[in-house]
Amino acid sequence: MRSVNRLIELQSFLHAFQSIERTVDVPDREAPENDVEHSFHLALAGWFLASDFPELDRDKIIRYSLIHDLVEVHAGDTFFYADASELATKEAREQDALVKIKDSWPDFPELWESIRLYETKEDDEAKFVYALDKIMPMIVIMQAGGKTWKDNNISFERQRSSKLEKVKVSKHILPYFNELIKILGQKPELFAD
């Protein structure tokens, strides 16, 4: 049996995760979304959609959603539209972070093994969560009046084309993306000119 000290350490780890702010503005709040909020929303959305796809493991979808950004505790969040130099180091920073998590949590192998499986997109559930993770911020930004897109000079076409390349990894999520793009195409006021 693990000691309560490990539970305390887990709580500290989760607080560190909560302190990671994303670039995504949320409706009705000055502060941007944090990683815990984003992961919880993603997990609930994945759970909601999973019932439409009985060939997928719902529990794995929820688990991947909850842990998909945990590496950011050590690697930091990388904005989807960050400059090329920051994007170039993302994978290496996240691999180093995974090693740190593995070293810190030898008694929680399901945690770091789930992160590894998600990062390598070894199964359809990981691809599902990866693709869903690309459209959930779009929904939040839309609900916040497009502030993140306008502040970062993101056009509709740039959003559509760059996200499409990522979302295509999941045949399950691609139809949701296509529907969302139709809705966003009718809202040019949400995007930079």
Foldseek 3Di string as FASTA:
>chain_A
DDDVVVVVVVVVLVVLQQPQFALFCFAPDDGGHGRQRQLVVLLVVLLVLCVVPVVDDNVLLNLCSRQQCSLCSQLGDDHLPHDPVSVVCNVVSSVVSLVVVCVVCVVCVVRSVSNVCLVVVVDQSSLVSQLSSLCVSVVRCVNNLLPSQQVVQNFLVNSLVSSQVSNVSHPSCVVVSVVVSVVVVVPRSNHHD
